[in-house]
Amino acid sequence: MKIISHRGNLHGPNPACENVPSVIDDVLAKGFDCEVDLWVSSNGDLLLGHDFGAYKIDLDWLSSRILMLWIHCKNLKALEELTYSNVGFNFFWHQEDDHVMTSKQVIWSFPGQEISSKAVAVLPELWNPSPNPDMLKKSFGVCTDYPLKFDRLLNVGNH
């Protein structure tokens, strides 16, 4: 089972630190995967950021972290860049779909939706009612703003 940090958060939402490359590196060093938000600008720059691209990176930065990143393409240019890069990134696009498929054939399930052993449960801390930990343990992974908490709760063993 994977525990995936949502935008680099460890102890809850922290907009000032979300999608910051150095923060993401700290999360990866702790053994967690990380979901990041990727934009590609009109001039081809790769940028991380939720509502807009704020932190410039490059394909080498993404490539060197390829095994631990779940890349949420935030605009069509980002989706095109990763689709045709032939590097093998794990990426997806969604708006408010119940479920989408990542490029690595893992189901990314919108908060509160049914999950399976092939699906990532997204932001279970927002679900109402709260999900049963035994149900979450059967999923492929959990993407959360509280990876340290869910690592302990689900006894995954990253920490």
N, C-alpha and C. Protein backbone atom coordinates (compact mmCIF):
# COMPACT_ATOMS: atom_id res chain seq x y z
N MET A 1 0.84 -1.19 0.00
CA MET A 1 0.00 0.00 0.00
C MET A 1 0.88 1.24 0.00
N LYS A 2 0.47 2.23 -0.80
CA LYS A 2 1.20 3.49 -0.90
C LYS A 2 0.53 4.55 -0.04
N ILE A 3 1.34 5.33 0.64
CA ILE A 3 0.86 6.55 1.28
C ILE A 3 1.44 7.70 0.45
N ILE A 4 0.55 8.53 -0.07
CA ILE A 4 0.94 9.60 -0.99
C ILE A 4 0.63 10.95 -0.35
N SER A 5 1.65 11.76 -0.20
CA SER A 5 1.46 13.11 0.32
C SER A 5 0.78 13.97 -0.74
N HIS A 6 -0.27 14.66 -0.33
CA HIS A 6 -1.00 15.55 -1.22
C HIS A 6 -0.27 16.89 -1.28
N ARG A 7 0.39 17.17 -2.40
CA ARG A 7 1.09 18.43 -2.66
C ARG A 7 2.28 18.68 -1.74
N GLY A 8 2.75 17.66 -1.04
CA GLY A 8 3.89 17.82 -0.14
C GLY A 8 3.51 18.05 1.31
N ASN A 9 2.23 17.97 1.62
CA ASN A 9 1.80 18.15 3.01
C ASN A 9 2.14 16.91 3.84
N LEU A 10 2.49 17.14 5.11
CA LEU A 10 2.76 16.05 6.05
C LEU A 10 1.82 16.06 7.25
N HIS A 11 1.45 17.26 7.73
CA HIS A 11 0.67 17.40 8.96
C HIS A 11 -0.64 18.15 8.73
N GLY A 12 -1.14 18.15 7.52
CA GLY A 12 -2.34 18.89 7.20
C GLY A 12 -2.06 19.92 6.12
N PRO A 13 -3.13 20.52 5.58
CA PRO A 13 -2.95 21.49 4.51
C PRO A 13 -2.07 22.66 4.95
N ASN A 14 -1.13 23.03 4.08
CA ASN A 14 -0.24 24.16 4.34
C ASN A 14 0.03 24.84 3.01
N PRO A 15 -0.90 25.69 2.54
CA PRO A 15 -0.79 26.27 1.21
C PRO A 15 0.55 26.94 0.91
N ALA A 16 1.20 27.51 1.91
CA ALA A 16 2.48 28.19 1.68
C ALA A 16 3.58 27.23 1.27
N CYS A 17 3.44 25.95 1.60
CA CYS A 17 4.47 24.96 1.29
C CYS A 17 4.06 23.96 0.22
N GLU A 18 2.83 24.05 -0.26
CA GLU A 18 2.35 23.07 -1.23
C GLU A 18 3.02 23.24 -2.59
N ASN A 19 3.45 22.12 -3.16
CA ASN A 19 4.10 22.07 -4.47
C ASN A 19 5.45 22.76 -4.51
N VAL A 20 6.04 23.06 -3.37
CA VAL A 20 7.38 23.66 -3.32
C VAL A 20 8.40 22.53 -3.53
N PRO A 21 9.26 22.63 -4.53
CA PRO A 21 10.17 21.53 -4.83
C PRO A 21 11.00 21.03 -3.64
N SER A 22 11.53 21.93 -2.82
CA SER A 22 12.34 21.49 -1.67
C SER A 22 11.49 20.76 -0.64
N VAL A 23 10.25 21.17 -0.48
CA VAL A 23 9.33 20.49 0.45
C VAL A 23 9.00 19.10 -0.09
N ILE A 24 8.77 19.01 -1.37
CA ILE A 24 8.50 17.71 -2.00
C ILE A 24 9.69 16.77 -1.80
N ASP A 25 10.89 17.29 -1.96
CA ASP A 25 12.08 16.47 -1.73
C ASP A 25 12.16 15.96 -0.30
N ASP A 26 11.77 16.79 0.67
CA ASP A 26 11.75 16.35 2.08
C ASP A 26 10.75 15.21 2.28
N VAL A 27 9.58 15.32 1.66
CA VAL A 27 8.55 14.28 1.75
C VAL A 27 9.06 12.97 1.14
N LEU A 28 9.68 13.06 -0.02
CA LEU A 28 10.20 11.87 -0.68
C LEU A 28 11.31 11.23 0.15
N ALA A 29 12.13 12.04 0.79
CA ALA A 29 13.21 11.53 1.64
C ALA A 29 12.66 10.77 2.84
N LYS A 30 11.44 11.09 3.24
CA LYS A 30 10.79 10.39 4.36
C LYS A 30 10.15 9.08 3.91
N GLY A 31 10.21 8.78 2.62
CA GLY A 31 9.69 7.52 2.11
C GLY A 31 8.29 7.56 1.56
N PHE A 32 7.68 8.73 1.52
CA PHE A 32 6.33 8.86 0.96
C PHE A 32 6.40 9.20 -0.52
N ASP A 33 5.41 8.74 -1.27
CA ASP A 33 5.20 9.25 -2.61
C ASP A 33 4.58 10.64 -2.47
N CYS A 34 4.47 11.38 -3.58
CA CYS A 34 3.90 12.72 -3.50
C CYS A 34 3.10 13.04 -4.76
N GLU A 35 1.91 13.56 -4.57
CA GLU A 35 1.10 14.09 -5.66
C GLU A 35 1.48 15.55 -5.84
N VAL A 36 1.77 15.94 -7.09
CA VAL A 36 2.15 17.32 -7.40
C VAL A 36 1.26 17.84 -8.52
N ASP A 37 1.11 19.15 -8.57
CA ASP A 37 0.30 19.80 -9.59
C ASP A 37 1.22 20.45 -10.62
N LEU A 38 1.11 20.03 -11.88
CA LEU A 38 2.01 20.50 -12.93
C LEU A 38 1.27 21.33 -13.98
N TRP A 39 1.86 22.47 -14.29
CA TRP A 39 1.42 23.35 -15.36
C TRP A 39 2.54 23.46 -16.38
N VAL A 40 2.21 23.66 -17.63
CA VAL A 40 3.19 24.05 -18.64
C VAL A 40 2.73 25.39 -19.20
N SER A 41 3.62 26.38 -19.12
CA SER A 41 3.28 27.74 -19.55
C SER A 41 3.24 27.84 -21.08
N SER A 42 2.78 28.97 -21.56
CA SER A 42 2.69 29.19 -23.01
C SER A 42 4.06 29.17 -23.68
N ASN A 43 5.13 29.45 -22.91
CA ASN A 43 6.48 29.39 -23.49
C ASN A 43 7.19 28.07 -23.20
N GLY A 44 6.45 27.10 -22.63
CA GLY A 44 7.00 25.76 -22.43
C GLY A 44 7.64 25.50 -21.09
N ASP A 45 7.62 26.47 -20.17
CA ASP A 45 8.18 26.24 -18.83
C ASP A 45 7.30 25.27 -18.06
N LEU A 46 7.94 24.37 -17.30
CA LEU A 46 7.24 23.46 -16.41
C LEU A 46 7.19 24.10 -15.04
N LEU A 47 5.99 24.15 -14.46
CA LEU A 47 5.78 24.85 -13.20
C LEU A 47 4.90 24.02 -12.27
N LEU A 48 5.27 24.01 -11.00
CA LEU A 48 4.43 23.38 -9.98
C LEU A 48 3.59 24.45 -9.30
N GLY A 49 2.38 24.09 -8.91
CA GLY A 49 1.50 25.00 -8.19
C GLY A 49 0.07 24.54 -8.34
N HIS A 50 -0.76 24.84 -7.36
CA HIS A 50 -2.14 24.35 -7.41
C HIS A 50 -3.03 25.19 -8.33
N ASP A 51 -3.22 26.45 -8.01
CA ASP A 51 -4.12 27.29 -8.79
C ASP A 51 -3.45 27.91 -10.01
N PHE A 52 -2.13 27.95 -9.99
CA PHE A 52 -1.33 28.46 -11.11
C PHE A 52 0.09 27.95 -10.92
N GLY A 53 0.87 27.99 -11.98
CA GLY A 53 2.26 27.55 -11.89
C GLY A 53 3.11 28.56 -11.15
N ALA A 54 3.72 28.15 -10.05
CA ALA A 54 4.48 29.08 -9.22
C ALA A 54 5.97 28.73 -9.11
N TYR A 55 6.32 27.44 -9.24
CA TYR A 55 7.69 27.00 -8.99
C TYR A 55 8.24 26.31 -10.22
N LYS A 56 9.23 26.94 -10.85
CA LYS A 56 9.78 26.41 -12.09
C LYS A 56 10.64 25.18 -11.82
N ILE A 57 10.39 24.14 -12.62
CA ILE A 57 11.17 22.91 -12.58
C ILE A 57 11.49 22.54 -14.03
N ASP A 58 12.09 21.38 -14.24
CA ASP A 58 12.33 20.91 -15.60
C ASP A 58 12.09 19.40 -15.66
N LEU A 59 12.17 18.85 -16.85
CA LEU A 59 11.94 17.41 -17.01
C LEU A 59 12.95 16.58 -16.23
N ASP A 60 14.18 17.08 -16.09
CA ASP A 60 15.18 16.35 -15.30
C ASP A 60 14.75 16.25 -13.84
N TRP A 61 14.17 17.32 -13.30
CA TRP A 61 13.71 17.29 -11.91
C TRP A 61 12.62 16.22 -11.77
N LEU A 62 11.66 16.22 -12.67
CA LEU A 62 10.60 15.21 -12.63
C LEU A 62 11.17 13.81 -12.83
N SER A 63 12.06 13.66 -13.80
CA SER A 63 12.62 12.34 -14.14
C SER A 63 13.38 11.72 -12.98
N SER A 64 14.10 12.55 -12.24
CA SER A 64 14.90 12.01 -11.14
C SER A 64 14.04 11.58 -9.95
N ARG A 65 12.77 11.89 -9.98
CA ARG A 65 11.84 11.53 -8.90
C ARG A 65 10.70 10.66 -9.44
N ILE A 66 10.88 10.12 -10.61
CA ILE A 66 9.81 9.47 -11.38
C ILE A 66 9.09 8.35 -10.63
N LEU A 67 9.80 7.62 -9.79
CA LEU A 67 9.19 6.47 -9.11
C LEU A 67 8.27 6.87 -7.96
N MET A 68 8.35 8.13 -7.51
CA MET A 68 7.59 8.53 -6.32
C MET A 68 6.61 9.68 -6.56
N LEU A 69 6.50 10.15 -7.80
CA LEU A 69 5.60 11.27 -8.08
C LEU A 69 4.32 10.81 -8.77
N TRP A 70 3.23 11.39 -8.34
CA TRP A 70 1.92 11.24 -8.98
C TRP A 70 1.59 12.64 -9.50
N ILE A 71 1.66 12.82 -10.80
CA ILE A 71 1.61 14.15 -11.39
C ILE A 71 0.21 14.47 -11.90
N HIS A 72 -0.39 15.48 -11.27
CA HIS A 72 -1.71 15.96 -11.66
C HIS A 72 -1.50 17.06 -12.70
N CYS A 73 -1.79 16.78 -13.94
CA CYS A 73 -1.67 17.77 -15.01
C CYS A 73 -2.79 18.78 -14.86
N LYS A 74 -2.42 20.04 -14.72
CA LYS A 74 -3.41 21.08 -14.44
C LYS A 74 -3.89 21.82 -15.69
N ASN A 75 -3.17 21.65 -16.81
CA ASN A 75 -3.64 22.24 -18.06
C ASN A 75 -3.31 21.31 -19.21
N LEU A 76 -3.89 21.59 -20.36
CA LEU A 76 -3.71 20.73 -21.52
C LEU A 76 -2.25 20.63 -21.93
N LYS A 77 -1.51 21.73 -21.84
CA LYS A 77 -0.09 21.70 -22.21
C LYS A 77 0.69 20.73 -21.33
N ALA A 78 0.37 20.66 -20.05
CA ALA A 78 1.04 19.71 -19.15
C ALA A 78 0.70 18.27 -19.55
N LEU A 79 -0.55 18.04 -19.85
CA LEU A 79 -0.98 16.70 -20.27
C LEU A 79 -0.28 16.29 -21.57
N GLU A 80 -0.20 17.20 -22.51
CA GLU A 80 0.50 16.90 -23.77
C GLU A 80 1.99 16.65 -23.53
N GLU A 81 2.62 17.48 -22.72
CA GLU A 81 4.06 17.35 -22.46
C GLU A 81 4.39 15.97 -21.91
N LEU A 82 3.63 15.51 -20.94
CA LEU A 82 3.93 14.22 -20.33
C LEU A 82 3.50 13.06 -21.23
N THR A 83 2.41 13.23 -21.94
CA THR A 83 1.95 12.16 -22.83
C THR A 83 2.98 11.85 -23.91
N TYR A 84 3.60 12.87 -24.45
CA TYR A 84 4.52 12.68 -25.57
C TYR A 84 5.99 12.71 -25.17
N SER A 85 6.29 12.74 -23.87
CA SER A 85 7.69 12.79 -23.42
C SER A 85 8.38 11.43 -23.54
N ASN A 86 7.62 10.34 -23.54
CA ASN A 86 8.18 8.98 -23.60
C ASN A 86 9.13 8.68 -22.45
N VAL A 87 8.92 9.33 -21.32
CA VAL A 87 9.77 9.10 -20.15
C VAL A 87 9.15 8.07 -19.22
N GLY A 88 7.83 7.96 -19.20
CA GLY A 88 7.17 6.98 -18.34
C GLY A 88 6.67 7.55 -17.03
N PHE A 89 6.32 8.82 -17.03
CA PHE A 89 5.79 9.44 -15.82
C PHE A 89 4.45 8.83 -15.43
N ASN A 90 4.11 8.94 -14.15
CA ASN A 90 2.81 8.55 -13.64
C ASN A 90 2.00 9.84 -13.52
N PHE A 91 1.03 10.04 -14.42
CA PHE A 91 0.30 11.30 -14.44
C PHE A 91 -1.17 11.06 -14.75
N PHE A 92 -1.95 12.10 -14.49
CA PHE A 92 -3.39 12.03 -14.73
C PHE A 92 -3.94 13.44 -14.87
N TRP A 93 -5.16 13.51 -15.35
CA TRP A 93 -5.92 14.75 -15.46
C TRP A 93 -7.30 14.46 -14.90
N HIS A 94 -7.83 15.35 -14.12
CA HIS A 94 -9.23 15.23 -13.69
C HIS A 94 -9.76 16.58 -13.29
N GLN A 95 -11.05 16.68 -13.27
CA GLN A 95 -11.72 17.86 -12.76
C GLN A 95 -12.49 17.43 -11.52
N GLU A 96 -13.68 16.88 -11.74
CA GLU A 96 -14.48 16.40 -10.62
C GLU A 96 -15.02 15.01 -10.92
N ASP A 97 -14.26 14.27 -11.72
CA ASP A 97 -14.66 12.91 -12.08
C ASP A 97 -14.66 12.03 -10.83
N ASP A 98 -15.54 11.05 -10.79
CA ASP A 98 -15.53 10.11 -9.68
C ASP A 98 -14.24 9.30 -9.66
N HIS A 99 -13.79 8.89 -10.84
CA HIS A 99 -12.57 8.09 -10.96
C HIS A 99 -11.88 8.45 -12.26
N VAL A 100 -10.56 8.45 -12.25
CA VAL A 100 -9.78 8.57 -13.48
C VAL A 100 -8.67 7.54 -13.43
N MET A 101 -8.12 7.24 -14.60
CA MET A 101 -7.02 6.28 -14.69
C MET A 101 -5.72 7.05 -14.87
N THR A 102 -4.70 6.70 -14.08
CA THR A 102 -3.40 7.32 -14.30
C THR A 102 -2.71 6.64 -15.48
N SER A 103 -1.64 7.23 -15.93
CA SER A 103 -0.88 6.67 -17.05
C SER A 103 -0.24 5.33 -16.70
N LYS A 104 -0.20 5.00 -15.41
CA LYS A 104 0.34 3.71 -14.95
C LYS A 104 -0.78 2.73 -14.59
N GLN A 105 -1.98 2.99 -15.08
CA GLN A 105 -3.15 2.13 -14.90
C GLN A 105 -3.55 1.93 -13.44
N VAL A 106 -3.43 2.99 -12.67
CA VAL A 106 -3.94 2.99 -11.30
C VAL A 106 -5.15 3.92 -11.28
N ILE A 107 -6.20 3.52 -10.61
CA ILE A 107 -7.41 4.33 -10.52
C ILE A 107 -7.22 5.40 -9.44
N TRP A 108 -7.52 6.64 -9.79
CA TRP A 108 -7.45 7.77 -8.86
C TRP A 108 -8.88 8.13 -8.54
N SER A 109 -9.32 7.89 -7.29
CA SER A 109 -10.73 8.03 -6.92
C SER A 109 -10.97 9.33 -6.17
N PHE A 110 -11.90 10.12 -6.67
CA PHE A 110 -12.27 11.39 -6.06
C PHE A 110 -12.73 11.13 -4.62
N PRO A 111 -12.51 12.11 -3.70
CA PRO A 111 -12.88 11.90 -2.30
C PRO A 111 -14.31 11.39 -2.12
N GLY A 112 -14.41 10.34 -1.30
CA GLY A 112 -15.70 9.78 -0.95
C GLY A 112 -16.24 8.73 -1.90
N GLN A 113 -15.53 8.47 -2.99
CA GLN A 113 -16.00 7.49 -3.97
C GLN A 113 -15.57 6.08 -3.58
N GLU A 114 -16.27 5.12 -4.11
CA GLU A 114 -15.93 3.71 -3.89
C GLU A 114 -14.49 3.46 -4.34
N ILE A 115 -13.78 2.62 -3.58
CA ILE A 115 -12.40 2.30 -3.93
C ILE A 115 -12.22 0.79 -4.02
N SER A 116 -11.10 0.40 -4.61
CA SER A 116 -10.79 -1.01 -4.77
C SER A 116 -9.30 -1.20 -4.56
N SER A 117 -8.85 -2.42 -4.74
CA SER A 117 -7.42 -2.73 -4.58
C SER A 117 -6.58 -2.10 -5.68
N LYS A 118 -7.20 -1.58 -6.72
CA LYS A 118 -6.50 -0.92 -7.83
C LYS A 118 -6.66 0.59 -7.78
N ALA A 119 -7.22 1.11 -6.67
CA ALA A 119 -7.55 2.53 -6.59
C ALA A 119 -6.83 3.23 -5.45
N VAL A 120 -6.53 4.51 -5.68
CA VAL A 120 -6.01 5.38 -4.63
C VAL A 120 -7.20 6.13 -4.04
N ALA A 121 -7.33 6.06 -2.73
CA ALA A 121 -8.36 6.80 -2.01
C ALA A 121 -7.82 8.21 -1.76
N VAL A 122 -8.46 9.22 -2.33
CA VAL A 122 -7.98 10.59 -2.25
C VAL A 122 -8.65 11.33 -1.10
N LEU A 123 -7.83 11.93 -0.26
CA LEU A 123 -8.24 12.76 0.87
C LEU A 123 -9.30 12.11 1.75
N PRO A 124 -9.02 10.93 2.28
CA PRO A 124 -10.01 10.27 3.14
C PRO A 124 -10.35 11.08 4.39
N GLU A 125 -9.49 12.01 4.77
CA GLU A 125 -9.78 12.84 5.94
C GLU A 125 -10.98 13.75 5.70
N LEU A 126 -11.39 13.93 4.44
CA LEU A 126 -12.55 14.77 4.12
C LEU A 126 -13.83 13.99 3.96
N TRP A 127 -13.75 12.67 3.96
CA TRP A 127 -14.93 11.84 3.73
C TRP A 127 -15.89 11.94 4.91
N ASN A 128 -17.18 11.91 4.60
CA ASN A 128 -18.19 11.90 5.64
C ASN A 128 -19.24 10.86 5.25
N PRO A 129 -19.34 9.77 5.99
CA PRO A 129 -18.59 9.47 7.22
C PRO A 129 -17.14 9.08 6.93
N SER A 130 -16.34 9.11 7.98
CA SER A 130 -14.93 8.72 7.85
C SER A 130 -14.83 7.28 7.39
N PRO A 131 -13.87 7.00 6.51
CA PRO A 131 -13.73 5.62 6.01
C PRO A 131 -13.19 4.68 7.08
N ASN A 132 -13.57 3.45 6.97
CA ASN A 132 -13.08 2.41 7.86
C ASN A 132 -11.62 2.12 7.50
N PRO A 133 -10.70 2.14 8.48
CA PRO A 133 -9.29 1.84 8.18
C PRO A 133 -9.09 0.51 7.47
N ASP A 134 -9.90 -0.51 7.82
CA ASP A 134 -9.75 -1.80 7.15
C ASP A 134 -10.08 -1.70 5.66
N MET A 135 -11.05 -0.87 5.32
CA MET A 135 -11.38 -0.66 3.91
C MET A 135 -10.22 0.04 3.20
N LEU A 136 -9.65 1.06 3.85
CA LEU A 136 -8.53 1.78 3.24
C LEU A 136 -7.32 0.87 3.03
N LYS A 137 -7.10 -0.05 3.96
CA LYS A 137 -5.96 -0.97 3.84
C LYS A 137 -6.05 -1.84 2.60
N LYS A 138 -7.26 -2.03 2.09
CA LYS A 138 -7.45 -2.86 0.90
C LYS A 138 -7.24 -2.09 -0.40
N SER A 139 -7.07 -0.77 -0.29
CA SER A 139 -6.87 0.04 -1.49
C SER A 139 -5.42 -0.03 -1.95
N PHE A 140 -5.17 0.46 -3.15
CA PHE A 140 -3.81 0.53 -3.68
C PHE A 140 -2.99 1.54 -2.88
N GLY A 141 -3.67 2.61 -2.45
CA GLY A 141 -2.98 3.65 -1.70
C GLY A 141 -3.93 4.71 -1.22
N VAL A 142 -3.37 5.65 -0.45
CA VAL A 142 -4.12 6.77 0.10
C VAL A 142 -3.33 8.04 -0.21
N CYS A 143 -4.01 9.03 -0.79
CA CYS A 143 -3.40 10.35 -1.00
C CYS A 143 -4.02 11.28 0.02
N THR A 144 -3.18 11.88 0.86
CA THR A 144 -3.68 12.61 2.01
C THR A 144 -2.80 13.81 2.36
N ASP A 145 -3.42 14.79 3.01
CA ASP A 145 -2.67 15.91 3.58
C ASP A 145 -2.02 15.51 4.91
N TYR A 146 -2.29 14.31 5.39
CA TYR A 146 -1.79 13.80 6.67
C TYR A 146 -1.08 12.46 6.50
N PRO A 147 -0.05 12.37 5.69
CA PRO A 147 0.58 11.06 5.45
C PRO A 147 1.18 10.42 6.70
N LEU A 148 1.72 11.20 7.61
CA LEU A 148 2.28 10.61 8.83
C LEU A 148 1.17 9.94 9.65
N LYS A 149 0.04 10.62 9.78
CA LYS A 149 -1.10 10.07 10.53
C LYS A 149 -1.62 8.79 9.88
N PHE A 150 -1.81 8.80 8.56
CA PHE A 150 -2.36 7.62 7.89
C PHE A 150 -1.34 6.48 7.83
N ASP A 151 -0.07 6.80 7.80
CA ASP A 151 0.96 5.77 7.85
C ASP A 151 0.84 4.98 9.17
N ARG A 152 0.62 5.72 10.27
CA ARG A 152 0.44 5.06 11.58
C ARG A 152 -0.91 4.35 11.66
N LEU A 153 -1.98 5.04 11.25
CA LEU A 153 -3.33 4.49 11.34
C LEU A 153 -3.47 3.18 10.57
N LEU A 154 -2.86 3.14 9.40
CA LEU A 154 -2.98 1.96 8.54
C LEU A 154 -1.83 0.98 8.72
N ASN A 155 -0.93 1.33 9.63
CA ASN A 155 0.20 0.45 9.96
C ASN A 155 0.97 0.04 8.70
N VAL A 156 1.26 1.06 7.88
CA VAL A 156 1.96 0.80 6.62
C VAL A 156 3.44 0.57 6.86
N GLY A 157 4.01 1.33 7.79
CA GLY A 157 5.40 1.08 8.14
C GLY A 157 6.42 1.95 7.46
N ASN A 158 6.00 3.06 6.83
CA ASN A 158 6.99 3.99 6.29
C ASN A 158 7.74 4.67 7.43
N HIS A 159 7.06 4.80 8.60
CA HIS A 159 7.66 5.50 9.73
C HIS A 159 7.30 4.83 11.04
